[in-house]
Amino acid sequence: MPAPAVSGFNKLRLMLPAPAARRKHPHASAEHPAGGTSGYEGGENMRNILITVMMIVVVVLLFNSVIAADSTGTQARIKEQGSNANTRIGELLEDDDK
């Protein structure tokens, strides 16, 4: 019996090695083949935690430089404007007493 004709794509597929079997996670179960309960690989969870921690650090640094800076931060400017407003109100009240 003659061999069946093989198209170009199938020839290429036959020449390539078979894909390696996917390694199972050590804690894999029938319900969660990747292991654990989340369905994610362990490395991806660590990556998400790392990104979250880095974002929190960036927010803290921005807060310290924008809001809580000694003389140029928002907090200092609000205090300065509040003092100016209190002084101006005091002057207006003194003018009314005269």
N, C-alpha and C. Protein backbone atom coordinates (compact mmCIF):
# COMPACT_ATOMS: atom_id res chain seq x y z
N MET A 1 0.85 -1.16 0.00
CA MET A 1 0.00 0.00 0.00
C MET A 1 0.91 1.24 0.00
N PRO A 2 0.62 2.25 -0.84
CA PRO A 2 1.48 3.43 -0.91
C PRO A 2 1.27 4.33 0.32
N ALA A 3 2.32 5.09 0.66
CA ALA A 3 2.24 6.01 1.81
C ALA A 3 1.34 7.19 1.45
N PRO A 4 0.55 7.66 2.41
CA PRO A 4 -0.34 8.79 2.12
C PRO A 4 0.48 10.05 1.83
N ALA A 5 -0.08 10.92 1.00
CA ALA A 5 0.59 12.18 0.67
C ALA A 5 0.59 13.09 1.91
N VAL A 6 1.70 13.77 2.14
CA VAL A 6 1.84 14.65 3.30
C VAL A 6 2.00 16.07 2.80
N SER A 7 1.16 16.98 3.31
CA SER A 7 1.23 18.38 2.89
C SER A 7 2.46 19.05 3.50
N GLY A 8 2.76 20.28 3.08
CA GLY A 8 3.93 21.01 3.56
C GLY A 8 3.91 21.22 5.07
N PHE A 9 2.74 21.64 5.61
CA PHE A 9 2.66 21.89 7.04
C PHE A 9 2.86 20.60 7.82
N ASN A 10 2.24 19.53 7.40
CA ASN A 10 2.39 18.26 8.11
C ASN A 10 3.82 17.74 8.02
N LYS A 11 4.51 17.99 6.90
CA LYS A 11 5.91 17.59 6.81
C LYS A 11 6.74 18.31 7.87
N LEU A 12 6.50 19.63 8.00
CA LEU A 12 7.22 20.40 8.99
C LEU A 12 6.91 19.90 10.39
N ARG A 13 5.64 19.61 10.66
CA ARG A 13 5.25 19.13 11.96
C ARG A 13 5.89 17.79 12.28
N LEU A 14 6.04 16.95 11.29
CA LEU A 14 6.66 15.65 11.51
C LEU A 14 8.16 15.77 11.77
N MET A 15 8.78 16.83 11.23
CA MET A 15 10.21 17.00 11.40
C MET A 15 10.56 17.58 12.77
N LEU A 16 9.63 18.35 13.38
CA LEU A 16 9.91 18.98 14.67
C LEU A 16 9.80 17.96 15.80
N PRO A 17 10.58 18.16 16.86
CA PRO A 17 10.46 17.23 17.98
C PRO A 17 9.13 17.43 18.70
N ALA A 18 8.66 16.39 19.34
CA ALA A 18 7.41 16.48 20.09
C ALA A 18 7.60 17.41 21.28
N PRO A 19 6.57 18.19 21.64
CA PRO A 19 6.72 19.10 22.79
C PRO A 19 6.94 18.32 24.08
N ALA A 20 7.73 18.91 24.96
CA ALA A 20 8.02 18.25 26.23
C ALA A 20 6.75 18.23 27.08
N ALA A 21 6.60 17.19 27.85
CA ALA A 21 5.43 17.09 28.72
C ALA A 21 5.50 18.16 29.78
N ARG A 22 4.36 18.74 30.12
CA ARG A 22 4.31 19.79 31.13
C ARG A 22 4.56 19.17 32.50
N ARG A 23 5.51 19.77 33.22
CA ARG A 23 5.85 19.27 34.54
C ARG A 23 4.74 19.63 35.52
N LYS A 24 4.32 18.69 36.32
CA LYS A 24 3.26 18.94 37.29
C LYS A 24 3.83 19.61 38.53
N HIS A 25 3.01 20.46 39.11
CA HIS A 25 3.37 21.13 40.36
C HIS A 25 3.39 20.08 41.47
N PRO A 26 4.31 20.19 42.45
CA PRO A 26 4.39 19.17 43.49
C PRO A 26 3.11 19.04 44.32
N HIS A 27 2.30 20.11 44.40
CA HIS A 27 1.07 20.06 45.18
C HIS A 27 -0.16 19.94 44.29
N ALA A 28 0.02 19.44 43.09
CA ALA A 28 -1.08 19.36 42.13
C ALA A 28 -2.12 18.34 42.59
N SER A 29 -3.36 18.63 42.25
CA SER A 29 -4.44 17.70 42.53
C SER A 29 -5.33 17.63 41.29
N ALA A 30 -6.32 16.78 41.31
CA ALA A 30 -7.20 16.64 40.15
C ALA A 30 -8.01 17.93 39.93
N GLU A 31 -8.42 18.61 41.03
CA GLU A 31 -9.22 19.82 40.89
C GLU A 31 -8.37 21.00 40.43
N HIS A 32 -7.13 21.08 40.93
CA HIS A 32 -6.25 22.19 40.63
C HIS A 32 -4.93 21.65 40.08
N PRO A 33 -4.85 21.44 38.77
CA PRO A 33 -3.65 20.81 38.21
C PRO A 33 -2.37 21.62 38.39
N ALA A 34 -2.50 22.94 38.58
CA ALA A 34 -1.29 23.74 38.77
C ALA A 34 -0.82 23.70 40.21
N GLY A 35 -1.61 23.14 41.10
CA GLY A 35 -1.24 23.08 42.51
C GLY A 35 -1.88 24.20 43.29
N GLY A 36 -1.99 24.04 44.59
CA GLY A 36 -2.59 25.06 45.42
C GLY A 36 -4.08 25.17 45.15
N THR A 37 -4.66 26.30 45.52
CA THR A 37 -6.09 26.49 45.30
C THR A 37 -6.39 27.60 44.32
N SER A 38 -5.40 28.40 43.96
CA SER A 38 -5.66 29.57 43.12
C SER A 38 -5.62 29.24 41.64
N GLY A 39 -4.97 28.19 41.24
CA GLY A 39 -4.83 27.88 39.83
C GLY A 39 -3.66 28.58 39.18
N TYR A 40 -2.93 29.41 39.90
CA TYR A 40 -1.77 30.10 39.36
C TYR A 40 -0.51 29.35 39.75
N GLU A 41 0.52 29.57 38.97
CA GLU A 41 1.82 29.02 39.34
C GLU A 41 2.36 29.84 40.51
N GLY A 42 3.21 29.26 41.33
CA GLY A 42 3.75 29.95 42.49
C GLY A 42 4.53 31.20 42.13
N GLY A 43 5.26 31.19 41.03
CA GLY A 43 6.04 32.35 40.63
C GLY A 43 5.19 33.54 40.30
N GLU A 44 4.04 33.32 39.73
CA GLU A 44 3.15 34.44 39.37
C GLU A 44 2.61 35.11 40.62
N ASN A 45 2.28 34.35 41.66
CA ASN A 45 1.82 34.94 42.91
C ASN A 45 2.91 35.79 43.53
N MET A 46 4.12 35.31 43.53
CA MET A 46 5.23 36.07 44.09
C MET A 46 5.44 37.36 43.30
N ARG A 47 5.29 37.28 42.00
CA ARG A 47 5.45 38.47 41.14
C ARG A 47 4.38 39.50 41.48
N ASN A 48 3.15 39.06 41.66
CA ASN A 48 2.06 39.98 42.01
C ASN A 48 2.31 40.63 43.35
N ILE A 49 2.80 39.87 44.32
CA ILE A 49 3.10 40.43 45.63
C ILE A 49 4.22 41.44 45.53
N LEU A 50 5.25 41.12 44.77
CA LEU A 50 6.38 42.04 44.60
C LEU A 50 5.93 43.34 43.96
N ILE A 51 5.13 43.27 42.92
CA ILE A 51 4.63 44.48 42.26
C ILE A 51 3.79 45.31 43.22
N THR A 52 2.96 44.66 44.02
CA THR A 52 2.13 45.38 45.00
C THR A 52 2.99 46.10 46.02
N VAL A 53 4.00 45.42 46.55
CA VAL A 53 4.89 46.04 47.54
C VAL A 53 5.64 47.22 46.91
N MET A 54 6.10 47.06 45.69
CA MET A 54 6.81 48.16 45.02
C MET A 54 5.88 49.35 44.81
N MET A 55 4.63 49.11 44.46
CA MET A 55 3.68 50.21 44.29
C MET A 55 3.43 50.94 45.61
N ILE A 56 3.33 50.19 46.70
CA ILE A 56 3.13 50.82 48.02
C ILE A 56 4.33 51.68 48.37
N VAL A 57 5.54 51.21 48.09
CA VAL A 57 6.75 51.99 48.37
C VAL A 57 6.74 53.28 47.55
N VAL A 58 6.35 53.20 46.29
CA VAL A 58 6.30 54.39 45.44
C VAL A 58 5.28 55.39 45.99
N VAL A 59 4.12 54.91 46.43
CA VAL A 59 3.10 55.80 46.99
C VAL A 59 3.61 56.48 48.25
N VAL A 60 4.30 55.75 49.11
CA VAL A 60 4.85 56.34 50.34
C VAL A 60 5.89 57.40 50.00
N LEU A 61 6.76 57.10 49.06
CA LEU A 61 7.78 58.09 48.67
C LEU A 61 7.15 59.34 48.07
N LEU A 62 6.15 59.16 47.22
CA LEU A 62 5.46 60.31 46.65
C LEU A 62 4.75 61.12 47.73
N PHE A 63 4.12 60.45 48.67
CA PHE A 63 3.44 61.16 49.76
C PHE A 63 4.44 62.00 50.55
N ASN A 64 5.59 61.40 50.86
CA ASN A 64 6.59 62.13 51.64
C ASN A 64 7.14 63.33 50.88
N SER A 65 7.31 63.20 49.57
CA SER A 65 7.89 64.31 48.81
C SER A 65 6.86 65.37 48.43
N VAL A 66 5.61 65.00 48.23
CA VAL A 66 4.60 65.96 47.79
C VAL A 66 3.82 66.55 48.95
N ILE A 67 3.38 65.74 49.88
CA ILE A 67 2.50 66.20 50.95
C ILE A 67 3.29 66.64 52.18
N ALA A 68 4.20 65.82 52.64
CA ALA A 68 4.80 66.04 53.95
C ALA A 68 6.16 66.72 53.90
N ALA A 69 6.57 67.28 52.77
CA ALA A 69 7.86 67.97 52.71
C ALA A 69 7.86 69.15 53.68
N ASP A 70 9.02 69.45 54.29
CA ASP A 70 9.10 70.44 55.37
C ASP A 70 8.59 71.82 54.96
N SER A 71 9.15 72.41 53.92
CA SER A 71 8.79 73.79 53.58
C SER A 71 8.06 73.91 52.24
N THR A 72 8.16 72.91 51.40
CA THR A 72 7.56 73.03 50.06
C THR A 72 6.37 72.09 49.85
N GLY A 73 6.07 71.26 50.82
CA GLY A 73 4.98 70.30 50.65
C GLY A 73 3.61 70.94 50.80
N THR A 74 2.60 70.19 50.44
CA THR A 74 1.23 70.66 50.51
C THR A 74 0.83 70.99 51.94
N GLN A 75 1.27 70.19 52.89
CA GLN A 75 0.93 70.43 54.29
C GLN A 75 1.47 71.79 54.75
N ALA A 76 2.71 72.11 54.39
CA ALA A 76 3.31 73.40 54.78
C ALA A 76 2.56 74.55 54.11
N ARG A 77 2.18 74.38 52.87
CA ARG A 77 1.45 75.44 52.16
C ARG A 77 0.08 75.67 52.77
N ILE A 78 -0.59 74.60 53.16
CA ILE A 78 -1.91 74.73 53.80
C ILE A 78 -1.77 75.45 55.13
N LYS A 79 -0.76 75.10 55.91
CA LYS A 79 -0.54 75.78 57.20
C LYS A 79 -0.25 77.26 56.98
N GLU A 80 0.57 77.57 55.98
CA GLU A 80 0.91 78.97 55.68
C GLU A 80 -0.34 79.75 55.28
N GLN A 81 -1.15 79.18 54.39
CA GLN A 81 -2.37 79.86 53.97
C GLN A 81 -3.34 80.01 55.14
N GLY A 82 -3.40 79.02 56.01
CA GLY A 82 -4.27 79.11 57.19
C GLY A 82 -3.82 80.22 58.13
N SER A 83 -2.51 80.34 58.33
CA SER A 83 -1.98 81.41 59.18
C SER A 83 -2.27 82.77 58.56
N ASN A 84 -2.08 82.89 57.24
CA ASN A 84 -2.39 84.15 56.55
C ASN A 84 -3.86 84.50 56.69
N ALA A 85 -4.74 83.51 56.54
CA ALA A 85 -6.17 83.75 56.66
C ALA A 85 -6.53 84.17 58.08
N ASN A 86 -5.96 83.52 59.09
CA ASN A 86 -6.22 83.89 60.48
C ASN A 86 -5.75 85.31 60.77
N THR A 87 -4.59 85.68 60.25
CA THR A 87 -4.07 87.04 60.44
C THR A 87 -5.00 88.06 59.79
N ARG A 88 -5.43 87.76 58.57
CA ARG A 88 -6.32 88.68 57.84
C ARG A 88 -7.67 88.81 58.57
N ILE A 89 -8.21 87.72 59.07
CA ILE A 89 -9.48 87.77 59.81
C ILE A 89 -9.30 88.60 61.08
N GLY A 90 -8.18 88.39 61.76
CA GLY A 90 -7.88 89.18 62.96
C GLY A 90 -7.81 90.66 62.66
N GLU A 91 -7.16 91.02 61.53
CA GLU A 91 -7.07 92.43 61.13
C GLU A 91 -8.45 93.00 60.82
N LEU A 92 -9.29 92.23 60.15
CA LEU A 92 -10.64 92.69 59.83
C LEU A 92 -11.46 92.92 61.10
N LEU A 93 -11.30 92.03 62.08
CA LEU A 93 -12.03 92.18 63.34
C LEU A 93 -11.54 93.40 64.11
N GLU A 94 -10.24 93.68 64.07
CA GLU A 94 -9.70 94.85 64.73
C GLU A 94 -10.21 96.13 64.08
N ASP A 95 -10.33 96.12 62.75
CA ASP A 95 -10.84 97.28 62.03
C ASP A 95 -12.30 97.55 62.40
N ASP A 96 -13.08 96.48 62.62
CA ASP A 96 -14.48 96.63 62.99
C ASP A 96 -14.63 97.20 64.40
N ASP A 97 -13.66 96.93 65.28
CA ASP A 97 -13.73 97.42 66.67
C ASP A 97 -13.50 98.92 66.74
N LYS A 98 -12.82 99.48 65.76
CA LYS A 98 -12.50 100.92 65.81
C LYS A 98 -13.66 101.77 65.44
